[in-house]
All heavy atoms as atom14 arrays in JSON, in Angstrom:
{
  "sequence": "KRDGYRVEEPPMYLDFRLGNMCNLKCRMCQPQNSSQINKEYV",
  "atom14_mask": [
    [1, 1, 1, 1, 1, 1, 1, 1, 1, 0, 0, 0, 0, 0],
    [1, 1, 1, 1, 1, 1, 1, 1, 1, 1, 1, 0, 0, 0],
    [1, 1, 1, 1, 1, 1, 1, 1, 0, 0, 0, 0, 0, 0],
    [1, 1, 1, 1, 0, 0, 0, 0, 0, 0, 0, 0, 0, 0],
    [1, 1, 1, 1, 1, 1, 1, 1, 1, 1, 1, 1, 0, 0],
    [1, 1, 1, 1, 1, 1, 1, 1, 1, 1, 1, 0, 0, 0],
    [1, 1, 1, 1, 1, 1, 1, 0, 0, 0, 0, 0, 0, 0],
    [1, 1, 1, 1, 1, 1, 1, 1, 1, 0, 0, 0, 0, 0],
    [1, 1, 1, 1, 1, 1, 1, 1, 1, 0, 0, 0, 0, 0],
    [1, 1, 1, 1, 1, 1, 1, 0, 0, 0, 0, 0, 0, 0],
    [1, 1, 1, 1, 1, 1, 1, 0, 0, 0, 0, 0, 0, 0],
    [1, 1, 1, 1, 1, 1, 1, 1, 0, 0, 0, 0, 0, 0],
    [1, 1, 1, 1, 1, 1, 1, 1, 1, 1, 1, 1, 0, 0],
    [1, 1, 1, 1, 1, 1, 1, 1, 0, 0, 0, 0, 0, 0],
    [1, 1, 1, 1, 1, 1, 1, 1, 0, 0, 0, 0, 0, 0],
    [1, 1, 1, 1, 1, 1, 1, 1, 1, 1, 1, 0, 0, 0],
    [1, 1, 1, 1, 1, 1, 1, 1, 1, 1, 1, 0, 0, 0],
    [1, 1, 1, 1, 1, 1, 1, 1, 0, 0, 0, 0, 0, 0],
    [1, 1, 1, 1, 0, 0, 0, 0, 0, 0, 0, 0, 0, 0],
    [1, 1, 1, 1, 1, 1, 1, 1, 0, 0, 0, 0, 0, 0],
    [1, 1, 1, 1, 1, 1, 1, 1, 0, 0, 0, 0, 0, 0],
    [1, 1, 1, 1, 1, 1, 0, 0, 0, 0, 0, 0, 0, 0],
    [1, 1, 1, 1, 1, 1, 1, 1, 0, 0, 0, 0, 0, 0],
    [1, 1, 1, 1, 1, 1, 1, 1, 0, 0, 0, 0, 0, 0],
    [1, 1, 1, 1, 1, 1, 1, 1, 1, 0, 0, 0, 0, 0],
    [1, 1, 1, 1, 1, 1, 0, 0, 0, 0, 0, 0, 0, 0],
    [1, 1, 1, 1, 1, 1, 1, 1, 1, 1, 1, 0, 0, 0],
    [1, 1, 1, 1, 1, 1, 1, 1, 0, 0, 0, 0, 0, 0],
    [1, 1, 1, 1, 1, 1, 0, 0, 0, 0, 0, 0, 0, 0],
    [1, 1, 1, 1, 1, 1, 1, 1, 1, 0, 0, 0, 0, 0],
    [1, 1, 1, 1, 1, 1, 1, 0, 0, 0, 0, 0, 0, 0],
    [1, 1, 1, 1, 1, 1, 1, 1, 1, 0, 0, 0, 0, 0],
    [1, 1, 1, 1, 1, 1, 1, 1, 0, 0, 0, 0, 0, 0],
    [1, 1, 1, 1, 1, 1, 0, 0, 0, 0, 0, 0, 0, 0],
    [1, 1, 1, 1, 1, 1, 0, 0, 0, 0, 0, 0, 0, 0],
    [1, 1, 1, 1, 1, 1, 1, 1, 1, 0, 0, 0, 0, 0],
    [1, 1, 1, 1, 1, 1, 1, 1, 0, 0, 0, 0, 0, 0],
    [1, 1, 1, 1, 1, 1, 1, 1, 0, 0, 0, 0, 0, 0],
    [1, 1, 1, 1, 1, 1, 1, 1, 1, 0, 0, 0, 0, 0],
    [1, 1, 1, 1, 1, 1, 1, 1, 1, 0, 0, 0, 0, 0],
    [1, 1, 1, 1, 1, 1, 1, 1, 1, 1, 1, 1, 0, 0],
    [1, 1, 1, 1, 1, 1, 1, 0, 0, 0, 0, 0, 0, 0]
  ],
  "atom14_positions": [
    [[19.3, 9.75, -18.02], [20.65, 9.92, -17.71], [21.15, 11.23, -18.19], [22.09, 11.75, -17.72], [21.45, 8.74, -18.4], [21.27, 7.4, -17.66], [22.26, 6.44, -18.2], [22.16, 5.87, -19.49], [22.93, 4.72, -19.86], [0.0, 0.0, 0.0], [0.0, 0.0, 0.0], [0.0, 0.0, 0.0], [0.0, 0.0, 0.0], [0.0, 0.0, 0.0]],
    [[20.53, 11.83, -19.25], [20.92, 13.11, -19.79], [20.23, 14.28, -19.09], [20.57, 15.4, -19.35], [20.61, 13.17, -21.29], [21.28, 12.07, -22.15], [21.11, 12.28, -23.61], [19.65, 12.11, -23.98], [19.11, 10.94, -24.4], [19.84, 9.83, -24.39], [17.81, 10.9, -24.71], [0.0, 0.0, 0.0], [0.0, 0.0, 0.0], [0.0, 0.0, 0.0]],
    [[19.21, 13.94, -18.16], [18.37, 15.06, -17.68], [18.34, 14.98, -16.17], [17.27, 15.17, -15.58], [16.99, 14.87, -18.27], [16.16, 16.16, -18.01], [16.76, 17.26, -17.71], [14.88, 16.05, -18.07], [0.0, 0.0, 0.0], [0.0, 0.0, 0.0], [0.0, 0.0, 0.0], [0.0, 0.0, 0.0], [0.0, 0.0, 0.0], [0.0, 0.0, 0.0]],
    [[19.5, 14.64, -15.55], [19.46, 14.64, -14.07], [18.65, 13.57, -13.46], [18.17, 13.68, -12.32], [0.0, 0.0, 0.0], [0.0, 0.0, 0.0], [0.0, 0.0, 0.0], [0.0, 0.0, 0.0], [0.0, 0.0, 0.0], [0.0, 0.0, 0.0], [0.0, 0.0, 0.0], [0.0, 0.0, 0.0], [0.0, 0.0, 0.0], [0.0, 0.0, 0.0]],
    [[18.39, 12.5, -14.23], [17.62, 11.33, -13.78], [16.07, 11.67, -13.5], [15.48, 11.02, -12.81], [18.23, 10.7, -12.47], [19.65, 10.28, -12.64], [20.77, 11.17, -12.3], [19.95, 9.08, -13.32], [22.08, 10.78, -12.53], [21.31, 8.78, -13.64], [22.37, 9.6, -13.18], [23.6, 9.31, -13.42], [0.0, 0.0, 0.0], [0.0, 0.0, 0.0]],
    [[15.66, 12.63, -14.3], [14.26, 13.05, -14.33], [13.52, 12.22, -15.47], [14.24, 11.78, -16.38], [14.1, 14.51, -14.62], [14.68, 15.44, -13.59], [14.39, 16.93, -14.0], [12.96, 17.21, -14.12], [12.25, 17.54, -13.14], [12.66, 17.65, -11.87], [10.93, 17.79, -13.31], [0.0, 0.0, 0.0], [0.0, 0.0, 0.0], [0.0, 0.0, 0.0]],
    [[12.24, 11.89, -15.19], [11.47, 11.25, -16.25], [10.27, 12.17, -16.52], [9.43, 12.38, -15.59], [11.01, 9.89, -15.76], [10.01, 9.21, -16.85], [12.17, 8.93, -15.63], [0.0, 0.0, 0.0], [0.0, 0.0, 0.0], [0.0, 0.0, 0.0], [0.0, 0.0, 0.0], [0.0, 0.0, 0.0], [0.0, 0.0, 0.0], [0.0, 0.0, 0.0]],
    [[10.11, 12.63, -17.74], [9.12, 13.63, -18.01], [7.74, 12.92, -18.17], [6.74, 13.56, -17.79], [9.46, 14.39, -19.24], [10.74, 15.33, -19.17], [10.62, 16.26, -17.99], [9.53, 16.83, -17.76], [11.57, 16.45, -17.24], [0.0, 0.0, 0.0], [0.0, 0.0, 0.0], [0.0, 0.0, 0.0], [0.0, 0.0, 0.0], [0.0, 0.0, 0.0]],
    [[7.67, 11.69, -18.57], [6.38, 11.07, -18.75], [5.92, 10.59, -17.53], [6.73, 10.2, -16.64], [6.43, 9.85, -19.74], [6.92, 10.31, -21.14], [8.44, 10.31, -21.39], [9.12, 10.29, -20.33], [8.99, 10.24, -22.57], [0.0, 0.0, 0.0], [0.0, 0.0, 0.0], [0.0, 0.0, 0.0], [0.0, 0.0, 0.0], [0.0, 0.0, 0.0]],
    [[4.6, 10.54, -17.34], [4.17, 9.99, -16.06], [4.35, 8.63, -15.95], [4.63, 7.89, -16.88], [2.63, 10.36, -16.12], [2.25, 10.41, -17.51], [3.52, 10.93, -18.26], [0.0, 0.0, 0.0], [0.0, 0.0, 0.0], [0.0, 0.0, 0.0], [0.0, 0.0, 0.0], [0.0, 0.0, 0.0], [0.0, 0.0, 0.0], [0.0, 0.0, 0.0]],
    [[4.07, 7.98, -14.64], [4.2, 6.55, -14.61], [3.26, 5.79, -15.42], [2.13, 6.18, -15.6], [3.9, 6.27, -13.07], [3.49, 7.48, -12.47], [3.69, 8.71, -13.42], [0.0, 0.0, 0.0], [0.0, 0.0, 0.0], [0.0, 0.0, 0.0], [0.0, 0.0, 0.0], [0.0, 0.0, 0.0], [0.0, 0.0, 0.0], [0.0, 0.0, 0.0]],
    [[3.71, 4.64, -15.93], [2.93, 3.84, -16.8], [2.25, 2.69, -15.88], [1.46, 1.86, -16.44], [3.63, 3.28, -17.95], [4.72, 2.33, -17.55], [5.58, 1.53, -19.11], [6.29, 2.97, -19.86], [0.0, 0.0, 0.0], [0.0, 0.0, 0.0], [0.0, 0.0, 0.0], [0.0, 0.0, 0.0], [0.0, 0.0, 0.0], [0.0, 0.0, 0.0]],
    [[2.69, 2.54, -14.71], [2.21, 1.49, -13.79], [1.84, 2.1, -12.46], [2.73, 2.63, -11.85], [3.31, 0.41, -13.78], [2.9, -0.88, -12.92], [1.52, -1.09, -12.38], [3.83, -1.86, -12.69], [1.22, -2.22, -11.75], [3.43, -3.07, -11.86], [2.18, -3.14, -11.55], [1.88, -4.28, -10.76], [0.0, 0.0, 0.0], [0.0, 0.0, 0.0]],
    [[0.64, 2.06, -12.09], [0.15, 2.55, -10.8], [-0.33, 1.42, -9.99], [-1.11, 0.55, -10.33], [-0.94, 3.5, -11.09], [-0.62, 4.81, -11.82], [-1.86, 5.62, -12.01], [0.43, 5.62, -11.17], [0.0, 0.0, 0.0], [0.0, 0.0, 0.0], [0.0, 0.0, 0.0], [0.0, 0.0, 0.0], [0.0, 0.0, 0.0], [0.0, 0.0, 0.0]],
    [[0.27, 1.35, -8.78], [0.01, 0.33, -7.74], [-0.69, 1.12, -6.6], [-0.16, 1.83, -5.76], [1.29, -0.32, -7.26], [1.12, -1.35, -6.18], [0.02, -1.45, -5.51], [2.02, -2.15, -5.94], [0.0, 0.0, 0.0], [0.0, 0.0, 0.0], [0.0, 0.0, 0.0], [0.0, 0.0, 0.0], [0.0, 0.0, 0.0], [0.0, 0.0, 0.0]],
    [[-2.01, 0.78, -6.37], [-2.84, 1.49, -5.44], [-3.3, 0.54, -4.37], [-3.99, -0.46, -4.59], [-4.1, 2.1, -6.13], [-3.75, 3.35, -6.88], [-4.36, 3.6, -8.04], [-2.76, 4.31, -6.57], [-4.09, 4.71, -8.86], [-2.41, 5.39, -7.25], [-3.06, 5.61, -8.48], [0.0, 0.0, 0.0], [0.0, 0.0, 0.0], [0.0, 0.0, 0.0]],
    [[-2.95, 0.9, -3.13], [-3.51, 0.3, -1.97], [-4.14, 1.44, -1.22], [-3.61, 2.25, -0.43], [-2.24, -0.33, -1.06], [-1.6, -1.39, -1.74], [-0.12, -1.15, -1.86], [0.46, -2.11, -2.97], [1.09, -3.18, -2.74], [1.15, -3.77, -1.47], [1.52, -3.98, -3.77], [0.0, 0.0, 0.0], [0.0, 0.0, 0.0], [0.0, 0.0, 0.0]],
    [[-5.52, 1.45, -1.34], [-6.39, 2.54, -1.14], [-6.94, 2.48, 0.3], [-8.14, 2.36, 0.41], [-7.37, 2.86, -2.15], [-6.82, 2.97, -3.58], [-7.95, 3.12, -4.62], [-5.96, 4.24, -3.73], [0.0, 0.0, 0.0], [0.0, 0.0, 0.0], [0.0, 0.0, 0.0], [0.0, 0.0, 0.0], [0.0, 0.0, 0.0], [0.0, 0.0, 0.0]],
    [[-6.1, 2.39, 1.33], [-6.5, 2.18, 2.75], [-6.36, 0.79, 3.07], [-5.98, -0.12, 2.4], [0.0, 0.0, 0.0], [0.0, 0.0, 0.0], [0.0, 0.0, 0.0], [0.0, 0.0, 0.0], [0.0, 0.0, 0.0], [0.0, 0.0, 0.0], [0.0, 0.0, 0.0], [0.0, 0.0, 0.0], [0.0, 0.0, 0.0], [0.0, 0.0, 0.0]],
    [[-6.64, 0.51, 4.34], [-6.39, -0.78, 4.99], [-7.71, -1.52, 5.3], [-7.76, -2.57, 5.98], [-5.6, -0.65, 6.31], [-6.34, -0.03, 7.38], [-7.42, 0.7, 7.15], [-6.04, -0.28, 8.77], [0.0, 0.0, 0.0], [0.0, 0.0, 0.0], [0.0, 0.0, 0.0], [0.0, 0.0, 0.0], [0.0, 0.0, 0.0], [0.0, 0.0, 0.0]],
    [[-8.89, -1.21, 4.53], [-10.16, -1.91, 4.83], [-9.98, -3.35, 4.29], [-9.66, -3.65, 3.23], [-11.19, -1.17, 3.97], [-12.6, -1.84, 4.29], [-14.03, -1.13, 3.29], [-13.93, 0.47, 4.04], [0.0, 0.0, 0.0], [0.0, 0.0, 0.0], [0.0, 0.0, 0.0], [0.0, 0.0, 0.0], [0.0, 0.0, 0.0], [0.0, 0.0, 0.0]],
    [[-10.19, -4.23, 5.21], [-10.1, -5.67, 4.97], [-11.09, -6.41, 5.75], [-11.47, -5.96, 6.97], [-8.77, -6.12, 5.21], [-8.34, -7.81, 4.56], [0.0, 0.0, 0.0], [0.0, 0.0, 0.0], [0.0, 0.0, 0.0], [0.0, 0.0, 0.0], [0.0, 0.0, 0.0], [0.0, 0.0, 0.0], [0.0, 0.0, 0.0], [0.0, 0.0, 0.0]],
    [[-11.56, -7.5, 5.29], [-12.47, -8.4, 5.99], [-11.83, -9.61, 6.55], [-12.45, -10.39, 7.19], [-13.56, -8.86, 4.98], [-13.07, -9.62, 3.75], [-11.83, -9.53, 3.48], [-13.96, -10.23, 3.02], [0.0, 0.0, 0.0], [0.0, 0.0, 0.0], [0.0, 0.0, 0.0], [0.0, 0.0, 0.0], [0.0, 0.0, 0.0], [0.0, 0.0, 0.0]],
    [[-10.46, -9.64, 6.51], [-9.75, -10.79, 7.16], [-8.72, -10.24, 8.09], [-8.4, -9.08, 8.19], [-9.17, -11.73, 6.12], [-9.94, -12.3, 4.94], [-9.16, -13.31, 4.17], [-11.13, -12.99, 5.69], [0.0, 0.0, 0.0], [0.0, 0.0, 0.0], [0.0, 0.0, 0.0], [0.0, 0.0, 0.0], [0.0, 0.0, 0.0], [0.0, 0.0, 0.0]],
    [[-8.18, -11.17, 8.89], [-7.15, -10.82, 9.79], [-6.06, -11.97, 9.84], [-5.94, -12.76, 10.62], [-7.64, -10.64, 11.23], [-8.7, -11.65, 11.67], [-9.38, -11.39, 12.92], [-10.44, -12.38, 13.36], [-11.1, -12.05, 14.62], [0.0, 0.0, 0.0], [0.0, 0.0, 0.0], [0.0, 0.0, 0.0], [0.0, 0.0, 0.0], [0.0, 0.0, 0.0]],
    [[-5.34, -12.0, 8.7], [-4.31, -12.97, 8.52], [-3.13, -12.9, 9.56], [-2.73, -11.79, 9.89], [-3.64, -12.83, 7.02], [-4.97, -12.87, 5.77], [0.0, 0.0, 0.0], [0.0, 0.0, 0.0], [0.0, 0.0, 0.0], [0.0, 0.0, 0.0], [0.0, 0.0, 0.0], [0.0, 0.0, 0.0], [0.0, 0.0, 0.0], [0.0, 0.0, 0.0]],
    [[-2.7, -14.12, 9.93], [-1.74, -14.04, 11.05], [-0.43, -13.37, 10.72], [0.29, -12.97, 11.57], [-1.61, -15.54, 11.58], [-2.78, -16.11, 12.27], [-2.65, -17.51, 12.73], [-3.84, -17.96, 13.47], [-3.73, -18.18, 14.78], [-2.61, -18.05, 15.45], [-4.86, -18.58, 15.41], [0.0, 0.0, 0.0], [0.0, 0.0, 0.0], [0.0, 0.0, 0.0]],
    [[-0.07, -13.37, 9.43], [1.21, -12.82, 9.05], [0.96, -11.41, 8.59], [1.97, -10.74, 8.0], [1.82, -13.74, 7.98], [1.15, -13.69, 6.58], [-0.31, -14.65, 6.66], [-1.07, -14.53, 5.08], [0.0, 0.0, 0.0], [0.0, 0.0, 0.0], [0.0, 0.0, 0.0], [0.0, 0.0, 0.0], [0.0, 0.0, 0.0], [0.0, 0.0, 0.0]],
    [[-0.16, -10.82, 8.68], [-0.37, -9.42, 8.28], [-0.09, -8.44, 9.36], [0.25, -8.75, 10.46], [-1.71, -9.37, 7.62], [-2.04, -7.93, 6.57], [0.0, 0.0, 0.0], [0.0, 0.0, 0.0], [0.0, 0.0, 0.0], [0.0, 0.0, 0.0], [0.0, 0.0, 0.0], [0.0, 0.0, 0.0], [0.0, 0.0, 0.0], [0.0, 0.0, 0.0]],
    [[-0.59, -7.19, 9.27], [-0.28, -6.08, 10.18], [-1.33, -5.09, 10.06], [-2.19, -5.03, 9.08], [1.06, -5.41, 9.84], [1.23, -4.91, 8.38], [2.53, -4.55, 7.99], [3.12, -3.73, 8.75], [3.05, -4.93, 6.92], [0.0, 0.0, 0.0], [0.0, 0.0, 0.0], [0.0, 0.0, 0.0], [0.0, 0.0, 0.0], [0.0, 0.0, 0.0]],
    [[-1.51, -4.25, 11.13], [-2.54, -3.27, 11.16], [-2.58, -2.39, 9.9], [-3.69, -1.84, 9.46], [-2.36, -2.44, 12.42], [-1.59, -3.41, 13.2], [-0.75, -4.31, 12.36], [0.0, 0.0, 0.0], [0.0, 0.0, 0.0], [0.0, 0.0, 0.0], [0.0, 0.0, 0.0], [0.0, 0.0, 0.0], [0.0, 0.0, 0.0], [0.0, 0.0, 0.0]],
    [[-1.4, -1.94, 9.46], [-1.36, -1.0, 8.28], [-2.1, -1.57, 7.11], [-2.53, -0.86, 6.16], [0.06, -0.63, 7.94], [0.78, 0.0, 9.0], [1.52, -0.81, 10.05], [1.18, -1.84, 10.34], [2.67, -0.35, 10.39], [0.0, 0.0, 0.0], [0.0, 0.0, 0.0], [0.0, 0.0, 0.0], [0.0, 0.0, 0.0], [0.0, 0.0, 0.0]],
    [[-2.26, -2.98, 7.0], [-2.8, -3.51, 5.77], [-4.08, -4.2, 6.03], [-4.78, -4.78, 5.15], [-1.91, -4.53, 5.15], [-0.52, -4.0, 4.62], [-0.57, -2.88, 4.06], [0.51, -4.61, 4.84], [0.0, 0.0, 0.0], [0.0, 0.0, 0.0], [0.0, 0.0, 0.0], [0.0, 0.0, 0.0], [0.0, 0.0, 0.0], [0.0, 0.0, 0.0]],
    [[-4.64, -4.24, 7.23], [-5.88, -4.78, 7.69], [-6.52, -4.03, 8.79], [-6.05, -4.1, 9.82], [-5.7, -6.27, 8.02], [-6.82, -6.86, 8.52], [0.0, 0.0, 0.0], [0.0, 0.0, 0.0], [0.0, 0.0, 0.0], [0.0, 0.0, 0.0], [0.0, 0.0, 0.0], [0.0, 0.0, 0.0], [0.0, 0.0, 0.0], [0.0, 0.0, 0.0]],
    [[-7.75, -3.5, 8.54], [-8.56, -2.81, 9.53], [-8.98, -3.8, 10.61], [-9.07, -3.45, 11.76], [-9.7, -2.19, 8.94], [-10.53, -3.16, 8.09], [0.0, 0.0, 0.0], [0.0, 0.0, 0.0], [0.0, 0.0, 0.0], [0.0, 0.0, 0.0], [0.0, 0.0, 0.0], [0.0, 0.0, 0.0], [0.0, 0.0, 0.0], [0.0, 0.0, 0.0]],
    [[-9.2, -5.1, 10.15], [-9.68, -6.18, 11.23], [-8.44, -6.41, 12.14], [-8.76, -6.61, 13.31], [-10.1, -7.36, 10.5], [-11.32, -7.27, 9.61], [-12.53, -6.77, 10.47], [-12.67, -7.34, 11.56], [-13.26, -5.77, 10.12], [0.0, 0.0, 0.0], [0.0, 0.0, 0.0], [0.0, 0.0, 0.0], [0.0, 0.0, 0.0], [0.0, 0.0, 0.0]],
    [[-7.21, -6.57, 11.56], [-6.08, -6.77, 12.5], [-6.03, -5.57, 13.46], [-5.73, -5.84, 14.66], [-4.79, -7.06, 11.74], [-4.93, -8.39, 11.1], [-3.6, -7.01, 12.68], [-3.74, -8.83, 10.33], [0.0, 0.0, 0.0], [0.0, 0.0, 0.0], [0.0, 0.0, 0.0], [0.0, 0.0, 0.0], [0.0, 0.0, 0.0], [0.0, 0.0, 0.0]],
    [[-6.07, -4.47, 13.02], [-5.87, -3.24, 13.88], [-6.95, -3.37, 14.97], [-6.53, -3.02, 16.13], [-6.05, -1.94, 12.95], [-5.6, -0.68, 13.79], [-4.42, -0.64, 14.19], [-6.58, 0.21, 14.07], [0.0, 0.0, 0.0], [0.0, 0.0, 0.0], [0.0, 0.0, 0.0], [0.0, 0.0, 0.0], [0.0, 0.0, 0.0], [0.0, 0.0, 0.0]],
    [[-8.16, -3.65, 14.6], [-9.28, -3.74, 15.75], [-8.95, -4.8, 16.68], [-9.02, -4.62, 17.86], [-10.64, -3.99, 15.04], [-11.14, -2.88, 14.27], [-12.45, -3.34, 13.66], [-12.98, -2.23, 12.71], [-14.31, -2.5, 12.06], [0.0, 0.0, 0.0], [0.0, 0.0, 0.0], [0.0, 0.0, 0.0], [0.0, 0.0, 0.0], [0.0, 0.0, 0.0]],
    [[-8.39, -5.83, 16.18], [-8.03, -7.04, 17.06], [-6.96, -6.66, 18.09], [-6.95, -6.95, 19.2], [-7.74, -8.18, 16.37], [-7.4, -9.51, 17.12], [-7.27, -10.82, 16.3], [-6.3, -10.83, 15.47], [-7.99, -11.6, 16.36], [0.0, 0.0, 0.0], [0.0, 0.0, 0.0], [0.0, 0.0, 0.0], [0.0, 0.0, 0.0], [0.0, 0.0, 0.0]],
    [[-5.89, -6.04, 17.45], [-4.76, -5.64, 18.29], [-5.05, -4.71, 19.38], [-4.67, -4.64, 20.47], [-3.67, -5.17, 17.39], [-2.85, -6.11, 16.71], [-3.18, -7.5, 16.75], [-1.75, -5.84, 15.91], [-2.4, -8.53, 16.03], [-0.97, -6.67, 15.26], [-1.31, -8.02, 15.27], [-0.52, -9.05, 14.65], [0.0, 0.0, 0.0], [0.0, 0.0, 0.0]],
    [[-5.92, -3.65, 18.98], [-6.35, -2.64, 20.03], [-7.21, -3.39, 21.1], [-6.98, -3.01, 22.23], [-7.21, -1.63, 19.27], [-7.91, -0.75, 20.24], [-6.39, -0.84, 18.28], [0.0, 0.0, 0.0], [0.0, 0.0, 0.0], [0.0, 0.0, 0.0], [0.0, 0.0, 0.0], [0.0, 0.0, 0.0], [0.0, 0.0, 0.0], [0.0, 0.0, 0.0]]
  ]
}
């Protein structure tokens, strides 16, 4: 609040979704989250 809403320290929590490689094709999922769904939709 004193520094223009900057945070000097790096994030303490990292959430990584490192690509859409998946072995399932859940009916409520989407191509961005599942390589199998993308193949199926194509």
